[in-house]
Amino acid sequence: MDAENIFEIKGLKKSFGDHEVLKGIDISVHKGEVVSIIGASGSGKSTLLRCINLLEDPTGGEIIYRGNNILDSGFDLRQYRAKVSMVFQQFNLFNNMNVLKNCMIGQIKVLGRSKEEAREKALYYLDKVGMSAYIDARPAQLSGGQKQRVAIARALSMDSEVILFDEPTSALDPEMVGEVLLVMKSLAESGMTMLVVTHEMQFAKDVSSRVIFMDNGVVAEDAPPSTIFNAPKNPRTKEFLYRVLNKDI
């Protein structure tokens, strides 16, 4: 039996003016998969995630989510955004709200939950990411790693089915990277479907079900981590990993 398909992305294109950033991307994502997307800066990785979340409007192609094209008119984007959450490089927390309220506001506004229910859910996930001691703190009082863990708790509080991570550790000091990766690893182990744009090769290698290498707006290689890191088929993948890891593959 085929694994349950969450996303089927077909011929996805995105241009900014004359500059074509995505040149026809085909990817499928199954339930429970952790798909890491790697590649040089400017290869289209973050634009791909932003198109999947419709923060950018694709120029062409289809994004099929559970059998429906999210680009069709009449598609319920509100429900979609509740099911597909995004965790950003820069956390995107509301600075005027404390940690608890940051994790409640989306539930109340988008999902229509009562304050009590939203609070209970937020507390549960803040505890999961080790942030329950900070519920009254404002974002300005937190370290980068703590902010990112709150952002992950916020995504989980929405009962998201998929979480898109856009370089979630790139804005963090090196000693804080580990605490965020640990939370992501435990999410992966719990069966959360995740698409992760990352520079953390060890995470991609150890935690992913599949690794996608993007190069110049196309998917140059899509394979299990063992293939990508030990025997990549595409010379561009090999060259990229040599530069990043400083060793021959």
C-alpha atoms as a PDB file:
ATOM      1  CA  MET A   1       0.000   0.000   0.000  1.00  0.00           C
ATOM      2  CA  ASP A   2       1.267   3.471  -0.906  1.00  0.00           C
ATOM      3  CA  ALA A   3       2.108   5.802   1.956  1.00  0.00           C
ATOM      4  CA  GLU A   4      -0.453   8.542   2.387  1.00  0.00           C
ATOM      5  CA  ASN A   5       0.303  11.461   0.082  1.00  0.00           C
ATOM      6  CA  ILE A   6       0.143  14.875   1.734  1.00  0.00           C
ATOM      7  CA  PHE A   7       1.675  17.009  -1.027  1.00  0.00           C
ATOM      8  CA  GLU A   8       2.098  16.512  -4.738  1.00  0.00           C
ATOM      9  CA  ILE A   9       3.911  19.508  -6.212  1.00  0.00           C
ATOM     10  CA  LYS A  10       3.891  19.563 -10.010  1.00  0.00           C
ATOM     11  CA  GLY A  11       5.785  21.864 -12.356  1.00  0.00           C
ATOM     12  CA  LEU A  12       5.971  24.639  -9.758  1.00  0.00           C
ATOM     13  CA  LYS A  13       7.427  27.872 -11.123  1.00  0.00           C
ATOM     14  CA  LYS A  14       8.112  31.244  -9.589  1.00  0.00           C
ATOM     15  CA  SER A  15       9.568  34.327 -11.239  1.00  0.00           C
ATOM     16  CA  PHE A  16      10.384  37.728  -9.814  1.00  0.00           C
ATOM     17  CA  GLY A  17      10.248  39.961 -12.871  1.00  0.00           C
ATOM     18  CA  ASP A  18      12.539  38.378 -15.478  1.00  0.00           C
ATOM     19  CA  HIS A  19      14.321  36.274 -12.901  1.00  0.00           C
ATOM     20  CA  GLU A  20      13.006  32.708 -12.783  1.00  0.00           C
ATOM     21  CA  VAL A  21      13.750  31.360  -9.286  1.00  0.00           C
ATOM     22  CA  LEU A  22      11.819  28.065  -9.497  1.00  0.00           C
ATOM     23  CA  LYS A  23      11.960  26.333 -12.869  1.00  0.00           C
ATOM     24  CA  GLY A  24       9.397  23.557 -12.638  1.00  0.00           C
ATOM     25  CA  ILE A  25       9.661  21.746  -9.300  1.00  0.00           C
ATOM     26  CA  ASP A  26       8.179  18.244  -8.890  1.00  0.00           C
ATOM     27  CA  ILE A  27       8.097  16.867  -5.332  1.00  0.00           C
ATOM     28  CA  SER A  28       5.830  14.555  -3.398  1.00  0.00           C
ATOM     29  CA  VAL A  29       5.687  14.412   0.398  1.00  0.00           C
ATOM     30  CA  HIS A  30       4.135  11.524   2.309  1.00  0.00           C
ATOM     31  CA  LYS A  31       2.628  11.539   5.781  1.00  0.00           C
ATOM     32  CA  GLY A  32       5.276  11.292   8.488  1.00  0.00           C
ATOM     33  CA  GLU A  33       8.188  12.080   6.172  1.00  0.00           C
ATOM     34  CA  VAL A  34      10.933  14.505   7.123  1.00  0.00           C
ATOM     35  CA  VAL A  35      12.202  16.027   3.887  1.00  0.00           C
ATOM     36  CA  SER A  36      15.319  18.172   4.180  1.00  0.00           C
ATOM     37  CA  ILE A  37      15.996  20.643   1.367  1.00  0.00           C
ATOM     38  CA  ILE A  38      19.635  21.588   0.917  1.00  0.00           C
ATOM     39  CA  GLY A  39      21.531  23.658  -1.635  1.00  0.00           C
ATOM     40  CA  ALA A  40      23.552  26.828  -2.085  1.00  0.00           C
ATOM     41  CA  SER A  41      22.098  30.252  -1.247  1.00  0.00           C
ATOM     42  CA  GLY A  42      19.960  31.455  -4.135  1.00  0.00           C
ATOM     43  CA  SER A  43      19.042  27.961  -5.334  1.00  0.00           C
ATOM     44  CA  GLY A  44      15.320  28.568  -4.617  1.00  0.00           C
ATOM     45  CA  LYS A  45      14.899  26.626  -1.349  1.00  0.00           C
ATOM     46  CA  SER A  46      13.187  29.333   0.725  1.00  0.00           C
ATOM     47  CA  THR A  47      11.117  30.495  -2.264  1.00  0.00           C
ATOM     48  CA  LEU A  48       9.823  26.933  -2.627  1.00  0.00           C
ATOM     49  CA  LEU A  49       8.625  26.897   0.998  1.00  0.00           C
ATOM     50  CA  ARG A  50       7.127  30.370   0.669  1.00  0.00           C
ATOM     51  CA  CYS A  51       5.180  29.210  -2.400  1.00  0.00           C
ATOM     52  CA  ILE A  52       3.918  26.087  -0.597  1.00  0.00           C
ATOM     53  CA  ASN A  53       2.675  28.375   2.198  1.00  0.00           C
ATOM     54  CA  LEU A  54       1.395  30.920  -0.363  1.00  0.00           C
ATOM     55  CA  LEU A  55       3.461  33.715   1.117  1.00  0.00           C
ATOM     56  CA  GLU A  56       4.522  33.997  -2.527  1.00  0.00           C
ATOM     57  CA  ASP A  57       2.150  33.411  -5.435  1.00  0.00           C
ATOM     58  CA  PRO A  58       3.548  30.766  -7.780  1.00  0.00           C
ATOM     59  CA  THR A  59       3.859  31.775 -11.446  1.00  0.00           C
ATOM     60  CA  GLY A  60       2.851  28.322 -12.662  1.00  0.00           C
ATOM     61  CA  GLY A  61       2.301  24.706 -11.715  1.00  0.00           C
ATOM     62  CA  GLU A  62       0.186  22.981  -9.081  1.00  0.00           C
ATOM     63  CA  ILE A  63       0.402  22.405  -5.331  1.00  0.00           C
ATOM     64  CA  ILE A  64      -1.850  19.447  -4.564  1.00  0.00           C
ATOM     65  CA  TYR A  65      -2.589  19.107  -0.845  1.00  0.00           C
ATOM     66  CA  ARG A  66      -4.552  15.977   0.050  1.00  0.00           C
ATOM     67  CA  GLY A  67      -5.928  15.747  -3.470  1.00  0.00           C
ATOM     68  CA  ASN A  68      -6.881  19.416  -3.943  1.00  0.00           C
ATOM     69  CA  ASN A  69      -4.943  22.104  -5.783  1.00  0.00           C
ATOM     70  CA  ILE A  70      -4.467  24.935  -3.282  1.00  0.00           C
ATOM     71  CA  LEU A  71      -4.088  27.388  -6.178  1.00  0.00           C
ATOM     72  CA  ASP A  72      -7.675  26.783  -7.369  1.00  0.00           C
ATOM     73  CA  SER A  73     -10.077  29.626  -6.696  1.00  0.00           C
ATOM     74  CA  GLY A  74     -12.470  28.704  -3.930  1.00  0.00           C
ATOM     75  CA  PHE A  75      -9.890  26.645  -2.040  1.00  0.00           C
ATOM     76  CA  ASP A  76     -10.177  27.265   1.718  1.00  0.00           C
ATOM     77  CA  LEU A  77      -6.836  28.909   2.445  1.00  0.00           C
ATOM     78  CA  ARG A  78      -7.702  29.660   6.059  1.00  0.00           C
ATOM     79  CA  GLN A  79      -8.077  25.975   6.874  1.00  0.00           C
ATOM     80  CA  TYR A  80      -4.985  25.166   4.828  1.00  0.00           C
ATOM     81  CA  ARG A  81      -2.848  27.655   6.749  1.00  0.00           C
ATOM     82  CA  ALA A  82      -4.082  26.130   9.993  1.00  0.00           C
ATOM     83  CA  LYS A  83      -2.949  22.678   8.848  1.00  0.00           C
ATOM     84  CA  VAL A  84       0.337  23.765   7.252  1.00  0.00           C
ATOM     85  CA  SER A  85       2.394  25.922   9.625  1.00  0.00           C
ATOM     86  CA  MET A  86       5.667  27.682   9.003  1.00  0.00           C
ATOM     87  CA  VAL A  87       8.599  28.300  11.325  1.00  0.00           C
ATOM     88  CA  PHE A  88      10.776  31.179  10.103  1.00  0.00           C
ATOM     89  CA  GLN A  89      14.452  32.111  10.425  1.00  0.00           C
ATOM     90  CA  GLN A  90      13.552  35.244  12.370  1.00  0.00           C
ATOM     91  CA  PHE A  91      10.909  33.628  14.627  1.00  0.00           C
ATOM     92  CA  ASN A  92       8.119  36.106  13.690  1.00  0.00           C
ATOM     93  CA  LEU A  93       6.746  36.286  17.234  1.00  0.00           C
ATOM     94  CA  PHE A  94       4.509  39.162  18.327  1.00  0.00           C
ATOM     95  CA  ASN A  95       6.782  41.354  20.475  1.00  0.00           C
ATOM     96  CA  ASN A  96       3.846  42.991  22.284  1.00  0.00           C
ATOM     97  CA  MET A  97       2.544  39.635  23.586  1.00  0.00           C
ATOM     98  CA  ASN A  98       3.972  37.220  26.094  1.00  0.00           C
ATOM     99  CA  VAL A  99       4.969  33.678  25.193  1.00  0.00           C
ATOM    100  CA  LEU A 100       1.630  32.148  26.174  1.00  0.00           C
ATOM    101  CA  LYS A 101      -0.407  34.673  24.169  1.00  0.00           C
ATOM    102  CA  ASN A 102       1.849  34.163  21.135  1.00  0.00           C
ATOM    103  CA  CYS A 103       0.815  30.500  21.210  1.00  0.00           C
ATOM    104  CA  MET A 104      -2.886  31.238  21.813  1.00  0.00           C
ATOM    105  CA  ILE A 105      -3.699  34.030  19.352  1.00  0.00           C
ATOM    106  CA  GLY A 106      -3.711  31.923  16.150  1.00  0.00           C
ATOM    107  CA  GLN A 107      -5.819  29.228  17.748  1.00  0.00           C
ATOM    108  CA  ILE A 108      -8.450  31.766  18.804  1.00  0.00           C
ATOM    109  CA  LYS A 109      -8.457  33.813  15.572  1.00  0.00           C
ATOM    110  CA  VAL A 110      -8.029  31.046  12.975  1.00  0.00           C
ATOM    111  CA  LEU A 111      -9.424  27.934  14.643  1.00  0.00           C
ATOM    112  CA  GLY A 112     -12.104  29.678  16.700  1.00  0.00           C
ATOM    113  CA  ARG A 113     -11.044  27.992  19.933  1.00  0.00           C
ATOM    114  CA  SER A 114     -12.109  29.332  23.319  1.00  0.00           C
ATOM    115  CA  LYS A 115      -9.460  31.070  25.421  1.00  0.00           C
ATOM    116  CA  GLU A 116      -9.477  28.158  27.888  1.00  0.00           C
ATOM    117  CA  GLU A 117      -8.950  25.563  25.179  1.00  0.00           C
ATOM    118  CA  ALA A 118      -6.267  27.647  23.457  1.00  0.00           C
ATOM    119  CA  ARG A 119      -4.457  28.168  26.758  1.00  0.00           C
ATOM    120  CA  GLU A 120      -4.523  24.465  27.588  1.00  0.00           C
ATOM    121  CA  LYS A 121      -3.168  23.524  24.154  1.00  0.00           C
ATOM    122  CA  ALA A 122      -0.481  26.246  24.286  1.00  0.00           C
ATOM    123  CA  LEU A 123       0.677  25.162  27.752  1.00  0.00           C
ATOM    124  CA  TYR A 124       0.871  21.543  26.629  1.00  0.00           C
ATOM    125  CA  TYR A 125       3.151  22.329  23.678  1.00  0.00           C
ATOM    126  CA  LEU A 126       5.238  24.928  25.513  1.00  0.00           C
ATOM    127  CA  ASP A 127       5.961  22.199  28.033  1.00  0.00           C
ATOM    128  CA  LYS A 128       6.883  19.834  25.173  1.00  0.00           C
ATOM    129  CA  VAL A 129       9.545  22.247  23.873  1.00  0.00           C
ATOM    130  CA  GLY A 130      10.843  23.070  27.359  1.00  0.00           C
ATOM    131  CA  MET A 131       9.451  26.612  27.527  1.00  0.00           C
ATOM    132  CA  SER A 132       6.712  26.347  30.186  1.00  0.00           C
ATOM    133  CA  ALA A 133       8.789  28.359  32.685  1.00  0.00           C
ATOM    134  CA  TYR A 134       8.710  31.356  30.312  1.00  0.00           C
ATOM    135  CA  ILE A 135       4.995  31.760  29.597  1.00  0.00           C
ATOM    136  CA  ASP A 136       4.904  35.335  30.974  1.00  0.00           C
ATOM    137  CA  ALA A 137       8.084  36.481  29.219  1.00  0.00           C
ATOM    138  CA  ARG A 138       8.034  38.763  26.182  1.00  0.00           C
ATOM    139  CA  PRO A 139      10.083  37.764  23.118  1.00  0.00           C
ATOM    140  CA  ALA A 140      12.638  40.525  23.855  1.00  0.00           C
ATOM    141  CA  GLN A 141      13.517  38.733  27.116  1.00  0.00           C
ATOM    142  CA  LEU A 142      14.319  35.429  25.380  1.00  0.00           C
ATOM    143  CA  SER A 143      17.403  34.071  23.648  1.00  0.00           C
ATOM    144  CA  GLY A 144      17.193  33.165  19.959  1.00  0.00           C
ATOM    145  CA  GLY A 145      16.959  29.473  20.745  1.00  0.00           C
ATOM    146  CA  GLN A 146      14.119  30.098  23.188  1.00  0.00           C
ATOM    147  CA  LYS A 147      12.252  32.243  20.660  1.00  0.00           C
ATOM    148  CA  GLN A 148      12.535  29.513  18.055  1.00  0.00           C
ATOM    149  CA  ARG A 149      11.226  26.898  20.487  1.00  0.00           C
ATOM    150  CA  VAL A 150       8.225  29.161  21.191  1.00  0.00           C
ATOM    151  CA  ALA A 151       7.665  29.492  17.420  1.00  0.00           C
ATOM    152  CA  ILE A 152       7.649  25.682  17.136  1.00  0.00           C
ATOM    153  CA  ALA A 153       5.196  25.400  20.065  1.00  0.00           C
ATOM    154  CA  ARG A 154       2.979  27.959  18.333  1.00  0.00           C
ATOM    155  CA  ALA A 155       2.928  25.868  15.147  1.00  0.00           C
ATOM    156  CA  LEU A 156       2.141  22.708  17.124  1.00  0.00           C
ATOM    157  CA  SER A 157      -0.661  24.466  19.031  1.00  0.00           C
ATOM    158  CA  MET A 158      -2.515  24.849  15.733  1.00  0.00           C
ATOM    159  CA  ASP A 159      -2.654  21.036  15.444  1.00  0.00           C
ATOM    160  CA  SER A 160      -0.690  21.394  12.235  1.00  0.00           C
ATOM    161  CA  GLU A 161      -0.396  18.386  10.007  1.00  0.00           C
ATOM    162  CA  VAL A 162       2.747  19.681   8.302  1.00  0.00           C
ATOM    163  CA  ILE A 163       5.394  22.108   9.538  1.00  0.00           C
ATOM    164  CA  LEU A 164       7.585  23.979   7.058  1.00  0.00           C
ATOM    165  CA  PHE A 165      10.896  25.085   8.564  1.00  0.00           C
ATOM    166  CA  ASP A 166      12.783  27.826   6.712  1.00  0.00           C
ATOM    167  CA  GLU A 167      16.389  27.629   7.949  1.00  0.00           C
ATOM    168  CA  PRO A 168      15.193  27.563  11.569  1.00  0.00           C
ATOM    169  CA  THR A 169      18.716  27.706  13.039  1.00  0.00           C
ATOM    170  CA  SER A 170      20.422  30.187  10.716  1.00  0.00           C
ATOM    171  CA  ALA A 171      19.759  33.227  12.932  1.00  0.00           C
ATOM    172  CA  LEU A 172      20.931  31.475  16.111  1.00  0.00           C
ATOM    173  CA  ASP A 173      24.222  31.582  17.956  1.00  0.00           C
ATOM    174  CA  PRO A 174      26.040  28.245  17.542  1.00  0.00           C
ATOM    175  CA  GLU A 175      25.430  27.132  21.137  1.00  0.00           C
ATOM    176  CA  MET A 176      21.658  27.556  20.673  1.00  0.00           C
ATOM    177  CA  VAL A 177      21.407  25.535  17.468  1.00  0.00           C
ATOM    178  CA  GLY A 178      21.492  22.211  19.317  1.00  0.00           C
ATOM    179  CA  GLU A 179      18.488  22.946  21.525  1.00  0.00           C
ATOM    180  CA  VAL A 180      16.283  23.727  18.506  1.00  0.00           C
ATOM    181  CA  LEU A 181      17.507  20.722  16.502  1.00  0.00           C
ATOM    182  CA  LEU A 182      16.757  18.506  19.492  1.00  0.00           C
ATOM    183  CA  VAL A 183      13.125  19.690  19.530  1.00  0.00           C
ATOM    184  CA  MET A 184      12.883  19.112  15.761  1.00  0.00           C
ATOM    185  CA  LYS A 185      14.369  15.638  16.112  1.00  0.00           C
ATOM    186  CA  SER A 186      11.796  14.678  18.746  1.00  0.00           C
ATOM    187  CA  LEU A 187       9.027  16.032  16.472  1.00  0.00           C
ATOM    188  CA  ALA A 188      10.339  13.856  13.642  1.00  0.00           C
ATOM    189  CA  GLU A 189      10.329  10.836  15.942  1.00  0.00           C
ATOM    190  CA  SER A 190       6.708  11.547  16.885  1.00  0.00           C
ATOM    191  CA  GLY A 191       5.709  11.236  13.201  1.00  0.00           C
ATOM    192  CA  MET A 192       5.236  14.920  12.301  1.00  0.00           C
ATOM    193  CA  THR A 193       5.444  15.596   8.557  1.00  0.00           C
ATOM    194  CA  MET A 194       8.185  18.187   8.068  1.00  0.00           C
ATOM    195  CA  LEU A 195       9.797  20.067   5.174  1.00  0.00           C
ATOM    196  CA  VAL A 196      13.041  21.595   6.382  1.00  0.00           C
ATOM    197  CA  VAL A 197      15.232  24.027   4.478  1.00  0.00           C
ATOM    198  CA  THR A 198      18.515  23.699   6.321  1.00  0.00           C
ATOM    199  CA  HIS A 199      22.276  24.210   6.330  1.00  0.00           C
ATOM    200  CA  GLU A 200      22.590  21.667   9.141  1.00  0.00           C
ATOM    201  CA  MET A 201      23.973  18.712   7.221  1.00  0.00           C
ATOM    202  CA  GLN A 202      24.156  16.449  10.266  1.00  0.00           C
ATOM    203  CA  PHE A 203      20.435  16.965  10.874  1.00  0.00           C
ATOM    204  CA  ALA A 204      19.670  16.279   7.207  1.00  0.00           C
ATOM    205  CA  LYS A 205      21.781  13.135   7.366  1.00  0.00           C
ATOM    206  CA  ASP A 206      20.513  11.754  10.692  1.00  0.00           C
ATOM    207  CA  VAL A 207      16.851  12.775  10.840  1.00  0.00           C
ATOM    208  CA  SER A 208      15.542  13.000   7.258  1.00  0.00           C
ATOM    209  CA  SER A 209      13.598  10.342   5.419  1.00  0.00           C
ATOM    210  CA  ARG A 210      14.673  12.062   2.178  1.00  0.00           C
ATOM    211  CA  VAL A 211      17.014  14.832   1.162  1.00  0.00           C
ATOM    212  CA  ILE A 212      16.335  17.122  -1.788  1.00  0.00           C
ATOM    213  CA  PHE A 213      19.290  18.953  -3.297  1.00  0.00           C
ATOM    214  CA  MET A 214      18.214  22.107  -5.150  1.00  0.00           C
ATOM    215  CA  ASP A 215      20.473  23.791  -7.650  1.00  0.00           C
ATOM    216  CA  ASN A 216      19.657  26.900  -9.648  1.00  0.00           C
ATOM    217  CA  GLY A 217      15.874  26.582  -9.299  1.00  0.00           C
ATOM    218  CA  VAL A 218      15.507  22.867 -10.006  1.00  0.00           C
ATOM    219  CA  VAL A 219      15.502  19.659  -7.972  1.00  0.00           C
ATOM    220  CA  ALA A 220      18.898  18.264  -8.955  1.00  0.00           C
ATOM    221  CA  GLU A 221      18.605  15.195  -6.718  1.00  0.00           C
ATOM    222  CA  ASP A 222      15.951  13.656  -4.453  1.00  0.00           C
ATOM    223  CA  ALA A 223      17.050  10.559  -2.549  1.00  0.00           C
ATOM    224  CA  PRO A 224      17.449   8.976   0.899  1.00  0.00           C
ATOM    225  CA  PRO A 225      20.172  10.627   3.042  1.00  0.00           C
ATOM    226  CA  SER A 226      22.432   7.574   2.698  1.00  0.00           C
ATOM    227  CA  THR A 227      22.509   8.079  -1.086  1.00  0.00           C
ATOM    228  CA  ILE A 228      22.877  11.869  -0.996  1.00  0.00           C
ATOM    229  CA  PHE A 229      25.698  11.867   1.565  1.00  0.00           C
ATOM    230  CA  ASN A 230      27.535   8.691   0.556  1.00  0.00           C
ATOM    231  CA  ALA A 231      26.933   8.206  -3.158  1.00  0.00           C
ATOM    232  CA  PRO A 232      25.258  11.226  -4.790  1.00  0.00           C
ATOM    233  CA  LYS A 233      24.384  10.664  -8.460  1.00  0.00           C
ATOM    234  CA  ASN A 234      24.520  14.293  -9.554  1.00  0.00           C
ATOM    235  CA  PRO A 235      27.962  15.918  -9.908  1.00  0.00           C
ATOM    236  CA  ARG A 236      26.467  19.208  -8.639  1.00  0.00           C
ATOM    237  CA  THR A 237      25.357  17.490  -5.402  1.00  0.00           C
ATOM    238  CA  LYS A 238      28.843  16.070  -4.998  1.00  0.00           C
ATOM    239  CA  GLU A 239      30.436  19.470  -5.585  1.00  0.00           C
ATOM    240  CA  PHE A 240      28.082  21.215  -3.120  1.00  0.00           C
ATOM    241  CA  LEU A 241      28.720  18.646  -0.365  1.00  0.00           C
ATOM    242  CA  TYR A 242      32.460  18.817  -0.960  1.00  0.00           C
ATOM    243  CA  ARG A 243      32.311  22.579  -0.414  1.00  0.00           C
ATOM    244  CA  VAL A 244      30.091  22.319   2.671  1.00  0.00           C
ATOM    245  CA  LEU A 245      31.671  19.309   4.332  1.00  0.00           C
ATOM    246  CA  ASN A 246      35.243  19.871   3.086  1.00  0.00           C
ATOM    247  CA  LYS A 247      35.640  16.265   2.088  1.00  0.00           C
ATOM    248  CA  ASP A 248      35.262  14.092  -0.966  1.00  0.00           C
ATOM    249  CA  ILE A 249      32.121  11.985  -1.262  1.00  0.00           C
END
